[in-house]
Structure formats: structure tokens, C-alpha cells
Amino acid sequence: MPLNIPNLLTLARIMVIPVFVIVYYLPVPWSALAATVLFIFAGVTDWLDGYLARRLQQQSPFGAFLDPVADKLMVATAIVLLVGDDRVQDQVISPILFTVMAAIIIGREIGVSALREWMGEMGNRASVAVSIVGKVKTVMQMVAVSMLLYAKPLAGISMAGLGEMLFYVAGALTLWSMIVYLRAAWDDLVRAEQKAGPT
């Protein structure tokens, strides 16, 4: 593994996850703010390591593998914390809908990761490269989760309420982007199924 700046940033994003969890559960008034700052830090490094890898020409197969893994681990961890937090659940319109949407978002990440791995084995990973819909989804998701982690009024605006609305928008974009990826890979999936024959 090349220990260049982009890869070190990616590793830092993974190592901050247990710190993020511990900080979130600290019985102190500033825990929500500190956890939110750590999550935003992770989001910034997610953009920064990719930018630096291209800018410094330090792209590597290891970095290409680890970067999306680090991103998904951080987001999934944050969403699990939110689903299990009564402070957040008491503020959302429907805890059931919120939990279902959380399951959809995490499930989509697992499904698309598996699809990309399978397409990579088929030698056609480029067809399921990150789309513009996926990028917008990621930004919306990061903003929504940040607001929900803070979950306190800011300038008279309910961060939990606004974050919940954006979370549902991110969930809709999640489904849309998954459909985009499936459509891109559908012909390969059909061909592979036909080649395998009846079971």
C-alpha cells in the first residue's frame, strides 16, 4: 500500500470512526456538536483525498478500493447511531419511516458495492462508475446526516426536522441511483444468467 497523502487521509477517515462513536455517546453537552464536526471532517477528507490523488497523480488501486469503503463505513455507522438514538427518534415525524429509509440507504450501499465487485470480475466495472446522481445523493446524505447528528435548533431552525426531510430526499436519490446502476449493468447480468443456463 503506497503511503501517500490521499491514502493517509482515507485511513484517517477509517480510524476516526471509533472516536466518532465514543464522542457521540459521551454524557456531555457538547457531544452532539463534536460528533457532527468529526462527521463533517470525514466528509471533507472524502472529497480531499480524491482531489489530491488526481492533482498529485497519486492514484492507486488500493486507494480506489479503500476510499468508497471508508465513506460507506462512516455513513453506515452514523445512520445506525441515529436510528438507535431516542433523542433523534423523538424528533422525527415517523420513527418507522425513518428506520425503513435508513435500511434502504444502507442496503443500497451494500447492493451497489456487490454489483461493482461483480462487474469488476466481469471486466466491465466502468459501466457502474459513480454517476452524477450518485454524487448528488452523497452530498445530500452527508448534509442530512450532519444535521441529524447535531439535532438541535440552529438560528431558530430545527436541524433534526430539516435533516429528516433531506434524509428522505437522499433516500429517494439512493433508490434512483441504484436503478441507474442496475440499468447500466442489466445487459451484463442477463448475458451472465443466460450463459449459466438453468439451475
Protein backbone atom coordinates (compact mmCIF):
# COMPACT_ATOMS: atom_id res chain seq x y z
CA MET A 1 0.00 0.00 0.00
CA PRO A 2 1.53 3.35 -1.03
CA LEU A 3 1.55 5.66 1.99
CA ASN A 4 0.84 8.83 0.08
CA ILE A 5 -1.26 11.77 1.30
CA PRO A 6 -4.57 10.62 -0.27
CA ASN A 7 -4.29 7.13 1.22
CA LEU A 8 -3.31 8.51 4.63
CA LEU A 9 -6.40 10.72 4.57
CA THR A 10 -8.54 7.71 3.73
CA LEU A 11 -7.01 5.70 6.56
CA ALA A 12 -7.56 8.64 8.93
CA ARG A 13 -11.24 8.61 7.95
CA ILE A 14 -11.50 4.96 8.96
CA MET A 15 -9.57 5.43 12.21
CA VAL A 16 -11.82 8.31 13.27
CA ILE A 17 -14.91 6.05 13.22
CA PRO A 18 -14.45 4.55 16.73
CA VAL A 19 -13.60 8.01 18.06
CA PHE A 20 -16.77 9.32 16.43
CA VAL A 21 -18.89 6.64 18.14
CA ILE A 22 -17.32 7.26 21.55
CA VAL A 23 -17.75 11.03 21.26
CA TYR A 24 -21.39 10.64 20.19
CA TYR A 25 -22.19 8.74 23.39
CA LEU A 26 -20.23 10.95 25.78
CA PRO A 27 -22.52 12.27 28.55
CA VAL A 28 -21.50 15.87 27.97
CA PRO A 29 -23.43 18.82 26.44
CA TRP A 30 -21.01 19.19 23.53
CA SER A 31 -21.03 15.56 22.37
CA ALA A 32 -23.52 16.14 19.51
CA LEU A 33 -21.52 19.10 18.19
CA ALA A 34 -18.21 17.22 18.44
CA ALA A 35 -19.65 14.15 16.68
CA THR A 36 -21.07 16.38 13.94
CA VAL A 37 -17.69 18.05 13.44
CA LEU A 38 -15.99 14.65 13.16
CA PHE A 39 -18.57 13.51 10.61
CA ILE A 40 -18.10 16.69 8.56
CA PHE A 41 -14.33 16.17 8.80
CA ALA A 42 -14.81 12.70 7.32
CA GLY A 43 -16.92 14.15 4.52
CA VAL A 44 -14.30 16.79 3.70
CA THR A 45 -11.48 14.23 3.63
CA ASP A 46 -13.63 12.04 1.35
CA TRP A 47 -13.56 14.86 -1.21
CA LEU A 48 -10.00 15.93 -0.43
CA ASP A 49 -8.29 12.56 -0.82
CA GLY A 50 -9.83 12.06 -4.27
CA TYR A 51 -8.89 15.60 -5.32
CA LEU A 52 -5.31 15.21 -4.09
CA ALA A 53 -4.95 11.79 -5.71
CA ARG A 54 -5.81 13.32 -9.08
CA ARG A 55 -3.91 16.56 -8.50
CA LEU A 56 -0.71 14.86 -7.29
CA GLN A 57 -1.11 11.92 -9.66
CA GLN A 58 -1.07 9.54 -6.70
CA GLN A 59 -4.00 7.35 -7.68
CA SER A 60 -3.57 3.71 -6.75
CA PRO A 61 -5.63 0.50 -6.87
CA PHE A 62 -5.54 0.37 -3.06
CA GLY A 63 -6.85 3.93 -2.79
CA ALA A 64 -9.58 3.23 -5.34
CA PHE A 65 -10.66 0.25 -3.22
CA LEU A 66 -10.35 1.84 0.23
CA ASP A 67 -11.89 5.26 -0.45
CA PRO A 68 -15.50 4.08 -1.05
CA VAL A 69 -15.17 1.56 1.79
CA ALA A 70 -14.18 4.32 4.23
CA ASP A 71 -17.05 6.50 3.04
CA LYS A 72 -19.66 3.76 3.42
CA LEU A 73 -18.36 2.69 6.84
CA MET A 74 -18.63 6.22 8.21
CA VAL A 75 -22.09 6.88 6.78
CA ALA A 76 -23.47 3.49 7.85
CA THR A 77 -22.09 3.95 11.37
CA ALA A 78 -23.67 7.40 11.67
CA ILE A 79 -27.05 6.17 10.40
CA VAL A 80 -27.05 3.25 12.85
CA LEU A 81 -26.33 5.67 15.70
CA LEU A 82 -29.22 7.90 14.61
CA VAL A 83 -31.68 5.01 14.37
CA GLY A 84 -30.78 3.90 17.88
CA ASP A 85 -30.87 7.37 19.44
CA ASP A 86 -34.10 8.27 21.27
CA ARG A 87 -33.12 11.94 21.12
CA VAL A 88 -33.37 11.81 17.33
CA GLN A 89 -36.25 9.34 17.13
CA ASP A 90 -38.39 11.58 19.37
CA GLN A 91 -37.95 14.46 16.90
CA VAL A 92 -38.62 12.74 13.58
CA ILE A 93 -42.12 12.66 12.08
CA SER A 94 -42.21 8.88 11.83
CA PRO A 95 -39.57 6.70 13.51
CA ILE A 96 -40.76 3.74 11.42
CA LEU A 97 -40.38 5.60 8.10
CA PHE A 98 -37.01 6.95 9.24
CA THR A 99 -35.79 3.46 10.11
CA VAL A 100 -37.04 2.00 6.82
CA MET A 101 -35.28 4.75 4.89
CA ALA A 102 -32.09 4.10 6.87
CA ALA A 103 -32.31 0.40 5.96
CA ILE A 104 -32.84 1.31 2.29
CA ILE A 105 -29.80 3.59 2.24
CA ILE A 106 -27.50 1.06 3.93
CA GLY A 107 -28.92 -1.81 1.86
CA ARG A 108 -28.36 0.12 -1.35
CA GLU A 109 -24.72 0.74 -0.44
CA ILE A 110 -24.19 -2.98 0.14
CA GLY A 111 -26.02 -3.90 -3.06
CA VAL A 112 -24.21 -1.43 -5.29
CA SER A 113 -20.84 -2.42 -3.79
CA ALA A 114 -21.59 -6.07 -4.59
CA LEU A 115 -22.69 -5.09 -8.11
CA ARG A 116 -19.48 -3.16 -8.70
CA GLU A 117 -17.40 -6.09 -7.44
CA TRP A 118 -19.25 -8.49 -9.75
CA MET A 119 -18.91 -6.11 -12.71
CA GLY A 120 -15.22 -5.82 -11.93
CA GLU A 121 -14.89 -9.59 -12.14
CA MET A 122 -16.69 -9.42 -15.50
CA GLY A 123 -14.18 -6.81 -16.65
CA ASN A 124 -16.80 -4.11 -17.07
CA ARG A 125 -16.58 -2.07 -13.87
CA ALA A 126 -16.60 1.19 -15.82
CA SER A 127 -20.29 0.76 -16.65
CA VAL A 128 -21.15 1.14 -12.95
CA ALA A 129 -18.79 4.01 -12.23
CA VAL A 130 -20.10 6.75 -9.93
CA SER A 131 -22.80 8.76 -11.71
CA ILE A 132 -23.84 12.38 -11.19
CA VAL A 133 -26.96 11.10 -9.40
CA GLY A 134 -24.73 9.14 -7.04
CA LYS A 135 -22.62 12.21 -6.33
CA VAL A 136 -25.67 14.38 -5.60
CA LYS A 137 -27.03 11.60 -3.38
CA THR A 138 -23.78 11.50 -1.43
CA VAL A 139 -23.75 15.27 -0.82
CA MET A 140 -27.41 15.28 0.23
CA GLN A 141 -26.80 12.32 2.52
CA MET A 142 -23.81 13.95 4.21
CA VAL A 143 -25.71 17.20 4.81
CA ALA A 144 -28.80 15.39 6.13
CA VAL A 145 -26.83 13.12 8.48
CA SER A 146 -24.79 16.08 9.77
CA MET A 147 -27.98 17.94 10.69
CA LEU A 148 -29.48 14.87 12.34
CA LEU A 149 -26.32 14.24 14.35
CA TYR A 150 -26.48 17.77 15.72
CA ALA A 151 -30.29 17.57 16.20
CA LYS A 152 -30.53 20.94 17.95
CA PRO A 153 -32.10 24.20 16.75
CA LEU A 154 -29.69 26.48 14.94
CA ALA A 155 -30.66 30.10 14.18
CA GLY A 156 -34.24 29.18 15.02
CA ILE A 157 -34.27 26.30 12.52
CA SER A 158 -34.82 22.71 13.64
CA MET A 159 -31.78 20.82 12.40
CA ALA A 160 -33.47 17.49 13.16
CA GLY A 161 -36.58 18.45 11.17
CA LEU A 162 -34.67 19.81 8.19
CA GLY A 163 -32.21 16.93 8.36
CA GLU A 164 -35.07 14.43 8.31
CA MET A 165 -36.57 15.99 5.16
CA LEU A 166 -33.18 15.96 3.43
CA PHE A 167 -32.65 12.39 4.62
CA TYR A 168 -35.81 11.31 2.79
CA VAL A 169 -34.67 13.18 -0.33
CA ALA A 170 -31.31 11.40 -0.05
CA GLY A 171 -33.20 8.11 0.28
CA ALA A 172 -35.14 8.82 -2.91
CA LEU A 173 -31.90 9.69 -4.72
CA THR A 174 -30.42 6.48 -3.31
CA LEU A 175 -33.14 4.42 -4.99
CA TRP A 176 -32.82 6.41 -8.21
CA SER A 177 -29.05 5.96 -8.36
CA MET A 178 -29.43 2.23 -7.67
CA ILE A 179 -31.81 1.97 -10.63
CA VAL A 180 -29.27 3.86 -12.77
CA TYR A 181 -26.54 1.37 -11.81
CA LEU A 182 -28.79 -1.65 -12.36
CA ARG A 183 -29.82 -0.40 -15.79
CA ALA A 184 -26.16 0.09 -16.70
CA ALA A 185 -25.32 -3.45 -15.61
CA TRP A 186 -28.56 -5.14 -16.72
CA ASP A 187 -27.35 -6.43 -20.11
CA ASP A 188 -24.29 -7.99 -18.48
CA LEU A 189 -26.45 -9.57 -15.79
CA VAL A 190 -28.82 -11.06 -18.40
CA ARG A 191 -25.95 -12.38 -20.52
CA ALA A 192 -24.30 -13.97 -17.49
CA GLU A 193 -27.60 -15.58 -16.48
CA GLN A 194 -28.18 -16.94 -19.99
CA LYS A 195 -24.62 -18.25 -20.15
CA ALA A 196 -25.03 -20.00 -16.81
CA GLY A 197 -28.17 -21.72 -18.07
CA PRO A 198 -30.96 -23.26 -15.96
CA THR A 199 -30.10 -24.44 -12.45
